[in-house]
Amino acid sequence: MSDTDSYADLIRKIRTIDIITRARVCGQQAGVHISLFKGQGVEFSDIREYIPGDDIRAIDWKITARYGIPYIKEFVEERDHILYIIMDLSGSGSFGHTVSKFSTMLSILATLVFSAVHYHDRVGLFLVTDTVEHYIPARSGRSHAVHAIQTVLTHKPSSSRSDLRPACTMLLQRAKRMSSVILLSDFFVPDCSRELSLLKKHHEVLSIRVTDPREHELPDVGLIELEDSETGEQILVDTSDPAIRKNYEEAAAGYEETIRRTMRRYRIPFLQVKSGEDCYEPLRQFLSLRPGGEL
């Protein structure tokens, strides 16, 4: 939120987000809300390898004997969800050709938070740059949702850099019960493969990347100065040179593929959204692909 925004403007923004999200959520078909979490439940879900700390009573001895390593049965439960959102507030979020990436991430965050309120689920929030700048424990209720959105709008990051590793580590320490975790970032971050691997072992993890169209290709506008919004580094680029534009596009495509490959490696569902787009329908389809996933 800019310095010129008043408290009344803030309330109007939150109210508008709430109304739009509530209309979308309530417009969906109501039904039994099946938990995404695994545990001692009523419906069989899957079989996976045993992880130290799992309940030994869930071991499937026939499968274990067949493969020589312990496997356990998983079940889904009808119980409230816990959702943690790790939101990247680094300097690159301010970039946007027409709409900033931050604004798009805020819309996604609000949709997720108010949807959780609709289903009486609990939501926790990590606001991160290259460290965890603010942590909101998981709670339910509309007042909690409004507080979370208000915190995002009013928070002034102390750093412009980005690193998801501290938040992943902190979440592993704080979240004692299996939860859903959504990473909301442009993923211009240091490699966090190790942390993602650990997180995936104990929680359901999803990733949403918000990018701007100008980050995928350079327009032919002649000589321009580009600045890294996280480091402040500047470089003069001649965008009229086809070779430079091609190299830029190839580098951007290569980086995106690296992110997708990492997510595939750890079986983390991945969604990419471009700033300025209506994010609701892609988000709804993304979540609906998972058992019990809904908005």
C-alpha atoms as a PDB file:
ATOM      1  CA  MET A   1       0.000   0.000   0.000  1.00  0.00           C
ATOM      2  CA  SER A   2       1.372   3.421  -0.932  1.00  0.00           C
ATOM      3  CA  ASP A   3       1.916   6.183   1.579  1.00  0.00           C
ATOM      4  CA  THR A   4      -0.988   8.143   0.095  1.00  0.00           C
ATOM      5  CA  ASP A   5      -3.508   5.404   0.816  1.00  0.00           C
ATOM      6  CA  SER A   6      -5.709   6.195   3.815  1.00  0.00           C
ATOM      7  CA  TYR A   7      -7.135   3.742   6.315  1.00  0.00           C
ATOM      8  CA  ALA A   8     -10.523   4.129   4.626  1.00  0.00           C
ATOM      9  CA  ASP A   9      -8.924   3.151   1.298  1.00  0.00           C
ATOM     10  CA  LEU A  10      -7.463   0.071   2.979  1.00  0.00           C
ATOM     11  CA  ILE A  11     -10.850  -0.986   4.353  1.00  0.00           C
ATOM     12  CA  ARG A  12     -12.453  -0.514   0.923  1.00  0.00           C
ATOM     13  CA  LYS A  13      -9.784  -2.684  -0.709  1.00  0.00           C
ATOM     14  CA  ILE A  14     -10.265  -5.480   1.807  1.00  0.00           C
ATOM     15  CA  ARG A  15     -14.062  -5.252   1.553  1.00  0.00           C
ATOM     16  CA  THR A  16     -13.918  -5.404  -2.255  1.00  0.00           C
ATOM     17  CA  ILE A  17     -11.642  -8.456  -2.182  1.00  0.00           C
ATOM     18  CA  ASP A  18     -13.941 -10.114   0.372  1.00  0.00           C
ATOM     19  CA  ILE A  19     -17.109  -9.479  -1.662  1.00  0.00           C
ATOM     20  CA  ILE A  20     -15.626 -10.691  -4.946  1.00  0.00           C
ATOM     21  CA  THR A  21     -14.128 -13.815  -3.401  1.00  0.00           C
ATOM     22  CA  ARG A  22     -17.262 -14.614  -1.405  1.00  0.00           C
ATOM     23  CA  ALA A  23     -19.399 -14.359  -4.546  1.00  0.00           C
ATOM     24  CA  ARG A  24     -17.073 -16.692  -6.415  1.00  0.00           C
ATOM     25  CA  VAL A  25     -16.783 -19.244  -3.628  1.00  0.00           C
ATOM     26  CA  CYS A  26     -20.466 -19.291  -2.746  1.00  0.00           C
ATOM     27  CA  GLY A  27     -21.277 -19.730  -6.422  1.00  0.00           C
ATOM     28  CA  GLN A  28     -19.564 -23.110  -6.441  1.00  0.00           C
ATOM     29  CA  GLN A  29     -21.516 -26.279  -5.789  1.00  0.00           C
ATOM     30  CA  ALA A  30     -21.610 -27.015  -2.077  1.00  0.00           C
ATOM     31  CA  GLY A  31     -20.754 -30.481  -0.832  1.00  0.00           C
ATOM     32  CA  VAL A  32     -18.880 -32.490   1.722  1.00  0.00           C
ATOM     33  CA  HIS A  33     -15.505 -30.910   2.363  1.00  0.00           C
ATOM     34  CA  ILE A  34     -13.026 -33.799   2.280  1.00  0.00           C
ATOM     35  CA  SER A  35      -9.682 -33.118   3.889  1.00  0.00           C
ATOM     36  CA  LEU A  36      -6.501 -33.197   1.838  1.00  0.00           C
ATOM     37  CA  PHE A  37      -4.605 -34.483   4.825  1.00  0.00           C
ATOM     38  CA  LYS A  38      -3.588 -38.073   5.380  1.00  0.00           C
ATOM     39  CA  GLY A  39      -4.218 -39.924   8.610  1.00  0.00           C
ATOM     40  CA  GLN A  40      -6.471 -42.424  10.370  1.00  0.00           C
ATOM     41  CA  GLY A  41      -9.672 -41.760   8.454  1.00  0.00           C
ATOM     42  CA  VAL A  42     -12.624 -43.444   6.843  1.00  0.00           C
ATOM     43  CA  GLU A  43     -11.600 -43.622   3.183  1.00  0.00           C
ATOM     44  CA  PHE A  44      -8.521 -45.357   1.750  1.00  0.00           C
ATOM     45  CA  SER A  45      -6.342 -42.980  -0.252  1.00  0.00           C
ATOM     46  CA  ASP A  46      -2.939 -44.365  -1.211  1.00  0.00           C
ATOM     47  CA  ILE A  47       0.074 -46.502  -0.302  1.00  0.00           C
ATOM     48  CA  ARG A  48       3.508 -44.951   0.127  1.00  0.00           C
ATOM     49  CA  GLU A  49       6.906 -45.735   1.612  1.00  0.00           C
ATOM     50  CA  TYR A  50       7.206 -45.521   5.384  1.00  0.00           C
ATOM     51  CA  ILE A  51       8.771 -42.309   6.752  1.00  0.00           C
ATOM     52  CA  PRO A  52      10.298 -42.308  10.270  1.00  0.00           C
ATOM     53  CA  GLY A  53       7.636 -40.990  12.616  1.00  0.00           C
ATOM     54  CA  ASP A  54       4.699 -42.583  10.780  1.00  0.00           C
ATOM     55  CA  ASP A  55       2.265 -44.692  12.798  1.00  0.00           C
ATOM     56  CA  ILE A  56       3.521 -48.282  12.545  1.00  0.00           C
ATOM     57  CA  ARG A  57      -0.070 -49.483  12.831  1.00  0.00           C
ATOM     58  CA  ALA A  58      -0.611 -48.187   9.282  1.00  0.00           C
ATOM     59  CA  ILE A  59       2.056 -50.483   7.783  1.00  0.00           C
ATOM     60  CA  ASP A  60       0.787 -52.680   4.956  1.00  0.00           C
ATOM     61  CA  TRP A  61       2.618 -55.915   5.723  1.00  0.00           C
ATOM     62  CA  LYS A  62       1.781 -57.650   2.439  1.00  0.00           C
ATOM     63  CA  ILE A  63       3.253 -54.828   0.317  1.00  0.00           C
ATOM     64  CA  THR A  64       6.178 -54.523   2.747  1.00  0.00           C
ATOM     65  CA  ALA A  65       6.964 -58.232   2.389  1.00  0.00           C
ATOM     66  CA  ARG A  66       6.718 -58.035  -1.400  1.00  0.00           C
ATOM     67  CA  TYR A  67       9.151 -55.128  -1.830  1.00  0.00           C
ATOM     68  CA  GLY A  68      11.361 -55.643   1.193  1.00  0.00           C
ATOM     69  CA  ILE A  69      10.911 -52.098   2.510  1.00  0.00           C
ATOM     70  CA  PRO A  70       8.075 -50.825   4.731  1.00  0.00           C
ATOM     71  CA  TYR A  71       4.986 -49.286   3.116  1.00  0.00           C
ATOM     72  CA  ILE A  72       2.002 -47.718   4.870  1.00  0.00           C
ATOM     73  CA  LYS A  73      -1.627 -47.166   3.984  1.00  0.00           C
ATOM     74  CA  GLU A  74      -2.974 -43.608   3.860  1.00  0.00           C
ATOM     75  CA  PHE A  75      -6.529 -42.453   4.429  1.00  0.00           C
ATOM     76  CA  VAL A  76      -8.372 -39.180   3.950  1.00  0.00           C
ATOM     77  CA  GLU A  77     -10.297 -37.697   6.832  1.00  0.00           C
ATOM     78  CA  GLU A  78     -13.298 -35.423   7.100  1.00  0.00           C
ATOM     79  CA  ARG A  79     -11.814 -32.720   9.282  1.00  0.00           C
ATOM     80  CA  ASP A  80     -10.815 -29.084   9.076  1.00  0.00           C
ATOM     81  CA  HIS A  81      -7.881 -28.106   6.911  1.00  0.00           C
ATOM     82  CA  ILE A  82      -4.832 -26.124   7.874  1.00  0.00           C
ATOM     83  CA  LEU A  83      -3.443 -24.032   5.053  1.00  0.00           C
ATOM     84  CA  TYR A  84      -0.135 -22.190   5.190  1.00  0.00           C
ATOM     85  CA  ILE A  85       0.716 -19.640   2.512  1.00  0.00           C
ATOM     86  CA  ILE A  86       4.305 -18.527   1.983  1.00  0.00           C
ATOM     87  CA  MET A  87       4.093 -15.195   0.146  1.00  0.00           C
ATOM     88  CA  ASP A  88       7.126 -13.602  -1.494  1.00  0.00           C
ATOM     89  CA  LEU A  89       7.286  -9.834  -0.851  1.00  0.00           C
ATOM     90  CA  SER A  90      10.693  -9.206  -2.435  1.00  0.00           C
ATOM     91  CA  GLY A  91      11.410  -6.209  -4.646  1.00  0.00           C
ATOM     92  CA  SER A  92      10.723  -8.050  -7.904  1.00  0.00           C
ATOM     93  CA  GLY A  93       7.041  -8.176  -6.980  1.00  0.00           C
ATOM     94  CA  SER A  94       6.706  -4.474  -7.769  1.00  0.00           C
ATOM     95  CA  PHE A  95       7.450  -5.145 -11.430  1.00  0.00           C
ATOM     96  CA  GLY A  96       4.552  -5.184 -13.861  1.00  0.00           C
ATOM     97  CA  HIS A  97       3.879  -3.948 -17.384  1.00  0.00           C
ATOM     98  CA  THR A  98       0.250  -3.067 -16.638  1.00  0.00           C
ATOM     99  CA  VAL A  99      -0.435  -4.630 -13.218  1.00  0.00           C
ATOM    100  CA  SER A 100       2.267  -5.432 -10.660  1.00  0.00           C
ATOM    101  CA  LYS A 101       3.022  -9.010  -9.734  1.00  0.00           C
ATOM    102  CA  PHE A 102       2.309  -8.060  -6.125  1.00  0.00           C
ATOM    103  CA  SER A 103      -1.262  -7.054  -6.993  1.00  0.00           C
ATOM    104  CA  THR A 104      -1.832 -10.374  -8.751  1.00  0.00           C
ATOM    105  CA  MET A 105      -0.333 -12.322  -5.832  1.00  0.00           C
ATOM    106  CA  LEU A 106      -2.565 -10.343  -3.461  1.00  0.00           C
ATOM    107  CA  SER A 107      -5.646 -11.389  -5.464  1.00  0.00           C
ATOM    108  CA  ILE A 108      -4.555 -15.032  -5.322  1.00  0.00           C
ATOM    109  CA  LEU A 109      -3.822 -14.794  -1.609  1.00  0.00           C
ATOM    110  CA  ALA A 110      -7.198 -13.205  -0.882  1.00  0.00           C
ATOM    111  CA  THR A 111      -9.034 -15.839  -2.908  1.00  0.00           C
ATOM    112  CA  LEU A 112      -7.322 -18.611  -0.964  1.00  0.00           C
ATOM    113  CA  VAL A 113      -7.793 -16.972   2.442  1.00  0.00           C
ATOM    114  CA  PHE A 114     -11.472 -16.087   2.051  1.00  0.00           C
ATOM    115  CA  SER A 115     -12.179 -19.480   0.487  1.00  0.00           C
ATOM    116  CA  ALA A 116     -10.715 -21.079   3.602  1.00  0.00           C
ATOM    117  CA  VAL A 117     -13.003 -18.898   5.718  1.00  0.00           C
ATOM    118  CA  HIS A 118     -15.981 -20.156   3.729  1.00  0.00           C
ATOM    119  CA  TYR A 119     -15.055 -23.759   4.606  1.00  0.00           C
ATOM    120  CA  HIS A 120     -14.160 -22.951   8.247  1.00  0.00           C
ATOM    121  CA  ASP A 121     -10.541 -23.914   7.662  1.00  0.00           C
ATOM    122  CA  ARG A 122      -7.515 -22.410   9.372  1.00  0.00           C
ATOM    123  CA  VAL A 123      -4.988 -20.276   7.499  1.00  0.00           C
ATOM    124  CA  GLY A 124      -1.458 -19.245   8.460  1.00  0.00           C
ATOM    125  CA  LEU A 125       0.738 -16.799   6.590  1.00  0.00           C
ATOM    126  CA  PHE A 126       4.481 -16.307   6.127  1.00  0.00           C
ATOM    127  CA  LEU A 127       5.551 -12.985   4.584  1.00  0.00           C
ATOM    128  CA  VAL A 128       9.071 -13.413   3.260  1.00  0.00           C
ATOM    129  CA  THR A 129      11.910 -11.622   1.518  1.00  0.00           C
ATOM    130  CA  ASP A 130      15.315 -13.207   2.162  1.00  0.00           C
ATOM    131  CA  THR A 131      14.054 -13.868   5.686  1.00  0.00           C
ATOM    132  CA  VAL A 132      10.696 -14.420   7.367  1.00  0.00           C
ATOM    133  CA  GLU A 133       9.538 -10.852   7.967  1.00  0.00           C
ATOM    134  CA  HIS A 134       6.145 -11.653   9.460  1.00  0.00           C
ATOM    135  CA  TYR A 135       4.417 -14.826  10.615  1.00  0.00           C
ATOM    136  CA  ILE A 136       0.689 -15.152  11.285  1.00  0.00           C
ATOM    137  CA  PRO A 137      -0.270 -18.434  13.022  1.00  0.00           C
ATOM    138  CA  ALA A 138      -3.065 -20.511  11.476  1.00  0.00           C
ATOM    139  CA  ARG A 139      -6.537 -19.503  12.647  1.00  0.00           C
ATOM    140  CA  SER A 140     -10.030 -19.485  11.197  1.00  0.00           C
ATOM    141  CA  GLY A 141     -12.733 -16.848  10.898  1.00  0.00           C
ATOM    142  CA  ARG A 142     -13.427 -13.783   8.790  1.00  0.00           C
ATOM    143  CA  SER A 143     -11.749 -11.367  11.204  1.00  0.00           C
ATOM    144  CA  HIS A 144      -8.555 -13.420  10.947  1.00  0.00           C
ATOM    145  CA  ALA A 145      -8.783 -13.323   7.139  1.00  0.00           C
ATOM    146  CA  VAL A 146      -9.224  -9.549   7.145  1.00  0.00           C
ATOM    147  CA  HIS A 147      -6.281  -9.196   9.526  1.00  0.00           C
ATOM    148  CA  ALA A 148      -4.081 -11.308   7.223  1.00  0.00           C
ATOM    149  CA  ILE A 149      -4.951  -9.245   4.128  1.00  0.00           C
ATOM    150  CA  GLN A 150      -4.525  -6.004   6.044  1.00  0.00           C
ATOM    151  CA  THR A 151      -1.081  -7.147   7.225  1.00  0.00           C
ATOM    152  CA  VAL A 152       0.017  -7.831   3.656  1.00  0.00           C
ATOM    153  CA  LEU A 153      -1.252  -4.450   2.450  1.00  0.00           C
ATOM    154  CA  THR A 154       0.433  -2.461   5.210  1.00  0.00           C
ATOM    155  CA  HIS A 155       3.676  -4.404   5.581  1.00  0.00           C
ATOM    156  CA  LYS A 156       6.795  -2.600   4.352  1.00  0.00           C
ATOM    157  CA  PRO A 157       9.507  -5.158   3.547  1.00  0.00           C
ATOM    158  CA  SER A 158      12.877  -4.500   5.140  1.00  0.00           C
ATOM    159  CA  SER A 159      14.711  -6.241   2.294  1.00  0.00           C
ATOM    160  CA  SER A 160      14.298  -6.317  -1.468  1.00  0.00           C
ATOM    161  CA  ARG A 161      15.904  -9.744  -1.891  1.00  0.00           C
ATOM    162  CA  SER A 162      14.167 -13.106  -1.965  1.00  0.00           C
ATOM    163  CA  ASP A 163      14.799 -16.529  -0.421  1.00  0.00           C
ATOM    164  CA  LEU A 164      12.138 -19.148   0.367  1.00  0.00           C
ATOM    165  CA  ARG A 165      14.416 -21.399   2.423  1.00  0.00           C
ATOM    166  CA  PRO A 166      14.010 -19.654   5.813  1.00  0.00           C
ATOM    167  CA  ALA A 167      10.203 -19.826   5.564  1.00  0.00           C
ATOM    168  CA  CYS A 168      10.243 -23.514   4.610  1.00  0.00           C
ATOM    169  CA  THR A 169      12.521 -24.296   7.534  1.00  0.00           C
ATOM    170  CA  MET A 170      10.396 -22.284   9.964  1.00  0.00           C
ATOM    171  CA  LEU A 171       7.206 -23.959   8.748  1.00  0.00           C
ATOM    172  CA  LEU A 172       8.713 -27.401   9.319  1.00  0.00           C
ATOM    173  CA  GLN A 173       9.453 -26.353  12.892  1.00  0.00           C
ATOM    174  CA  ARG A 174       6.071 -24.749  13.590  1.00  0.00           C
ATOM    175  CA  ALA A 175       3.568 -26.995  11.781  1.00  0.00           C
ATOM    176  CA  LYS A 176       3.216 -30.126  13.903  1.00  0.00           C
ATOM    177  CA  ARG A 177       0.206 -31.441  12.016  1.00  0.00           C
ATOM    178  CA  MET A 178       0.144 -32.290   8.320  1.00  0.00           C
ATOM    179  CA  SER A 179      -1.011 -29.228   6.404  1.00  0.00           C
ATOM    180  CA  SER A 180      -1.387 -27.830   2.920  1.00  0.00           C
ATOM    181  CA  VAL A 181       1.385 -25.398   1.972  1.00  0.00           C
ATOM    182  CA  ILE A 182       1.179 -23.005  -0.973  1.00  0.00           C
ATOM    183  CA  LEU A 183       4.291 -21.208  -2.203  1.00  0.00           C
ATOM    184  CA  LEU A 184       3.285 -17.900  -3.824  1.00  0.00           C
ATOM    185  CA  SER A 185       6.237 -16.266  -5.557  1.00  0.00           C
ATOM    186  CA  ASP A 186       7.844 -15.330  -8.860  1.00  0.00           C
ATOM    187  CA  PHE A 187      10.539 -17.888  -7.886  1.00  0.00           C
ATOM    188  CA  PHE A 188      13.481 -15.629  -8.641  1.00  0.00           C
ATOM    189  CA  VAL A 189      15.071 -17.221  -5.595  1.00  0.00           C
ATOM    190  CA  PRO A 190      18.125 -19.282  -4.634  1.00  0.00           C
ATOM    191  CA  ASP A 191      17.804 -23.025  -5.083  1.00  0.00           C
ATOM    192  CA  CYS A 192      15.556 -24.449  -2.369  1.00  0.00           C
ATOM    193  CA  SER A 193      15.410 -28.092  -3.513  1.00  0.00           C
ATOM    194  CA  ARG A 194      16.520 -29.481  -0.160  1.00  0.00           C
ATOM    195  CA  GLU A 195      13.854 -27.529   1.748  1.00  0.00           C
ATOM    196  CA  LEU A 196      11.150 -28.509  -0.763  1.00  0.00           C
ATOM    197  CA  SER A 197      12.119 -32.164  -0.394  1.00  0.00           C
ATOM    198  CA  LEU A 198      11.789 -31.992   3.407  1.00  0.00           C
ATOM    199  CA  LEU A 199       8.543 -30.029   3.203  1.00  0.00           C
ATOM    200  CA  LYS A 200       7.001 -32.507   0.776  1.00  0.00           C
ATOM    201  CA  LYS A 201       7.717 -35.416   3.112  1.00  0.00           C
ATOM    202  CA  HIS A 202       5.503 -33.985   5.845  1.00  0.00           C
ATOM    203  CA  HIS A 203       2.980 -31.724   4.088  1.00  0.00           C
ATOM    204  CA  GLU A 204       1.016 -31.317   0.897  1.00  0.00           C
ATOM    205  CA  VAL A 205       2.882 -28.677  -1.116  1.00  0.00           C
ATOM    206  CA  LEU A 206       1.700 -26.619  -4.093  1.00  0.00           C
ATOM    207  CA  SER A 207       3.475 -23.832  -5.951  1.00  0.00           C
ATOM    208  CA  ILE A 208       2.045 -20.809  -7.756  1.00  0.00           C
ATOM    209  CA  ARG A 209       4.370 -18.650  -9.819  1.00  0.00           C
ATOM    210  CA  VAL A 210       3.347 -15.121 -10.796  1.00  0.00           C
ATOM    211  CA  THR A 211       5.268 -13.564 -13.673  1.00  0.00           C
ATOM    212  CA  ASP A 212       4.907 -10.555 -15.954  1.00  0.00           C
ATOM    213  CA  PRO A 213       4.733 -10.898 -19.763  1.00  0.00           C
ATOM    214  CA  ARG A 214       7.802  -8.643 -20.083  1.00  0.00           C
ATOM    215  CA  GLU A 215       9.801 -11.204 -18.133  1.00  0.00           C
ATOM    216  CA  HIS A 216       9.308 -13.706 -20.935  1.00  0.00           C
ATOM    217  CA  GLU A 217      10.232 -11.538 -23.908  1.00  0.00           C
ATOM    218  CA  LEU A 218      11.793  -8.153 -24.648  1.00  0.00           C
ATOM    219  CA  PRO A 219       9.870  -5.688 -26.820  1.00  0.00           C
ATOM    220  CA  ASP A 220      11.749  -3.945 -29.630  1.00  0.00           C
ATOM    221  CA  VAL A 221      11.934  -0.440 -28.134  1.00  0.00           C
ATOM    222  CA  GLY A 222      15.561   0.448 -28.799  1.00  0.00           C
ATOM    223  CA  LEU A 223      18.099   1.257 -26.099  1.00  0.00           C
ATOM    224  CA  ILE A 224      16.735   0.791 -22.555  1.00  0.00           C
ATOM    225  CA  GLU A 225      18.166   0.523 -19.062  1.00  0.00           C
ATOM    226  CA  LEU A 226      17.135  -2.557 -17.100  1.00  0.00           C
ATOM    227  CA  GLU A 227      17.395  -2.711 -13.326  1.00  0.00           C
ATOM    228  CA  ASP A 228      17.266  -5.720 -11.040  1.00  0.00           C
ATOM    229  CA  SER A 229      14.617  -4.705  -8.488  1.00  0.00           C
ATOM    230  CA  GLU A 230      16.149  -6.967  -5.839  1.00  0.00           C
ATOM    231  CA  THR A 231      19.847  -6.081  -6.186  1.00  0.00           C
ATOM    232  CA  GLY A 232      19.622  -2.645  -7.820  1.00  0.00           C
ATOM    233  CA  GLU A 233      22.070  -3.721 -10.550  1.00  0.00           C
ATOM    234  CA  GLN A 234      21.565  -1.821 -13.815  1.00  0.00           C
ATOM    235  CA  ILE A 235      22.442  -2.747 -17.381  1.00  0.00           C
ATOM    236  CA  LEU A 236      22.016  -0.969 -20.723  1.00  0.00           C
ATOM    237  CA  VAL A 237      20.351  -3.174 -23.369  1.00  0.00           C
ATOM    238  CA  ASP A 238      19.761  -2.586 -27.073  1.00  0.00           C
ATOM    239  CA  THR A 239      16.399  -4.272 -27.598  1.00  0.00           C
ATOM    240  CA  SER A 240      16.493  -3.566 -31.336  1.00  0.00           C
ATOM    241  CA  ASP A 241      19.111  -6.328 -31.660  1.00  0.00           C
ATOM    242  CA  PRO A 242      17.271  -9.585 -32.578  1.00  0.00           C
ATOM    243  CA  ALA A 243      20.069 -11.701 -31.092  1.00  0.00           C
ATOM    244  CA  ILE A 244      19.703 -10.007 -27.704  1.00  0.00           C
ATOM    245  CA  ARG A 245      15.928 -10.499 -27.705  1.00  0.00           C
ATOM    246  CA  LYS A 246      16.338 -14.160 -28.675  1.00  0.00           C
ATOM    247  CA  ASN A 247      18.938 -14.784 -25.947  1.00  0.00           C
ATOM    248  CA  TYR A 248      16.660 -13.114 -23.401  1.00  0.00           C
ATOM    249  CA  GLU A 249      13.691 -15.288 -24.399  1.00  0.00           C
ATOM    250  CA  GLU A 250      15.787 -18.460 -24.334  1.00  0.00           C
ATOM    251  CA  ALA A 251      17.178 -17.594 -20.893  1.00  0.00           C
ATOM    252  CA  ALA A 252      13.672 -16.891 -19.551  1.00  0.00           C
ATOM    253  CA  ALA A 253      12.318 -20.154 -21.010  1.00  0.00           C
ATOM    254  CA  GLY A 254      15.281 -22.066 -19.610  1.00  0.00           C
ATOM    255  CA  TYR A 255      14.766 -20.672 -16.126  1.00  0.00           C
ATOM    256  CA  GLU A 256      11.058 -21.515 -16.227  1.00  0.00           C
ATOM    257  CA  GLU A 257      11.853 -25.074 -17.276  1.00  0.00           C
ATOM    258  CA  THR A 258      14.304 -25.372 -14.377  1.00  0.00           C
ATOM    259  CA  ILE A 259      11.517 -24.439 -11.955  1.00  0.00           C
ATOM    260  CA  ARG A 260       9.065 -26.864 -13.564  1.00  0.00           C
ATOM    261  CA  ARG A 261      11.658 -29.645 -13.480  1.00  0.00           C
ATOM    262  CA  THR A 262      12.270 -29.070  -9.770  1.00  0.00           C
ATOM    263  CA  MET A 263       8.536 -29.215  -9.029  1.00  0.00           C
ATOM    264  CA  ARG A 264       8.119 -32.382 -11.086  1.00  0.00           C
ATOM    265  CA  ARG A 265      11.049 -33.966  -9.254  1.00  0.00           C
ATOM    266  CA  TYR A 266       9.303 -33.549  -5.900  1.00  0.00           C
ATOM    267  CA  ARG A 267       5.796 -34.061  -7.326  1.00  0.00           C
ATOM    268  CA  ILE A 268       4.704 -30.565  -6.387  1.00  0.00           C
ATOM    269  CA  PRO A 269       1.747 -29.257  -8.445  1.00  0.00           C
ATOM    270  CA  PHE A 270       2.775 -26.084 -10.283  1.00  0.00           C
ATOM    271  CA  LEU A 271       0.693 -23.212 -11.670  1.00  0.00           C
ATOM    272  CA  GLN A 272       2.007 -20.178 -13.534  1.00  0.00           C
ATOM    273  CA  VAL A 273      -0.095 -17.018 -13.667  1.00  0.00           C
ATOM    274  CA  LYS A 274       0.740 -13.836 -15.562  1.00  0.00           C
ATOM    275  CA  SER A 275       0.209 -10.509 -13.833  1.00  0.00           C
ATOM    276  CA  GLY A 276      -2.949  -8.728 -14.879  1.00  0.00           C
ATOM    277  CA  GLU A 277      -4.815 -11.915 -15.758  1.00  0.00           C
ATOM    278  CA  ASP A 278      -7.981 -13.007 -13.962  1.00  0.00           C
ATOM    279  CA  CYS A 279      -6.425 -15.614 -11.706  1.00  0.00           C
ATOM    280  CA  TYR A 280      -9.589 -17.186 -10.316  1.00  0.00           C
ATOM    281  CA  GLU A 281     -10.459 -19.704 -13.041  1.00  0.00           C
ATOM    282  CA  PRO A 282      -6.881 -21.047 -13.461  1.00  0.00           C
ATOM    283  CA  LEU A 283      -6.656 -21.275  -9.678  1.00  0.00           C
ATOM    284  CA  ARG A 284      -9.956 -23.133  -9.400  1.00  0.00           C
ATOM    285  CA  GLN A 285      -8.924 -25.642 -12.072  1.00  0.00           C
ATOM    286  CA  PHE A 286      -5.484 -26.050 -10.499  1.00  0.00           C
ATOM    287  CA  LEU A 287      -6.916 -26.924  -7.093  1.00  0.00           C
ATOM    288  CA  SER A 288      -9.704 -29.099  -8.472  1.00  0.00           C
ATOM    289  CA  LEU A 289      -7.159 -31.519  -9.941  1.00  0.00           C
ATOM    290  CA  ARG A 290      -6.279 -32.699  -6.439  1.00  0.00           C
ATOM    291  CA  PRO A 291      -8.435 -35.078  -4.364  1.00  0.00           C
ATOM    292  CA  GLY A 292     -10.726 -32.929  -2.261  1.00  0.00           C
ATOM    293  CA  GLY A 293      -9.384 -29.749  -3.818  1.00  0.00           C
ATOM    294  CA  GLU A 294     -11.947 -27.020  -4.202  1.00  0.00           C
ATOM    295  CA  LEU A 295     -12.625 -23.312  -3.883  1.00  0.00           C
END
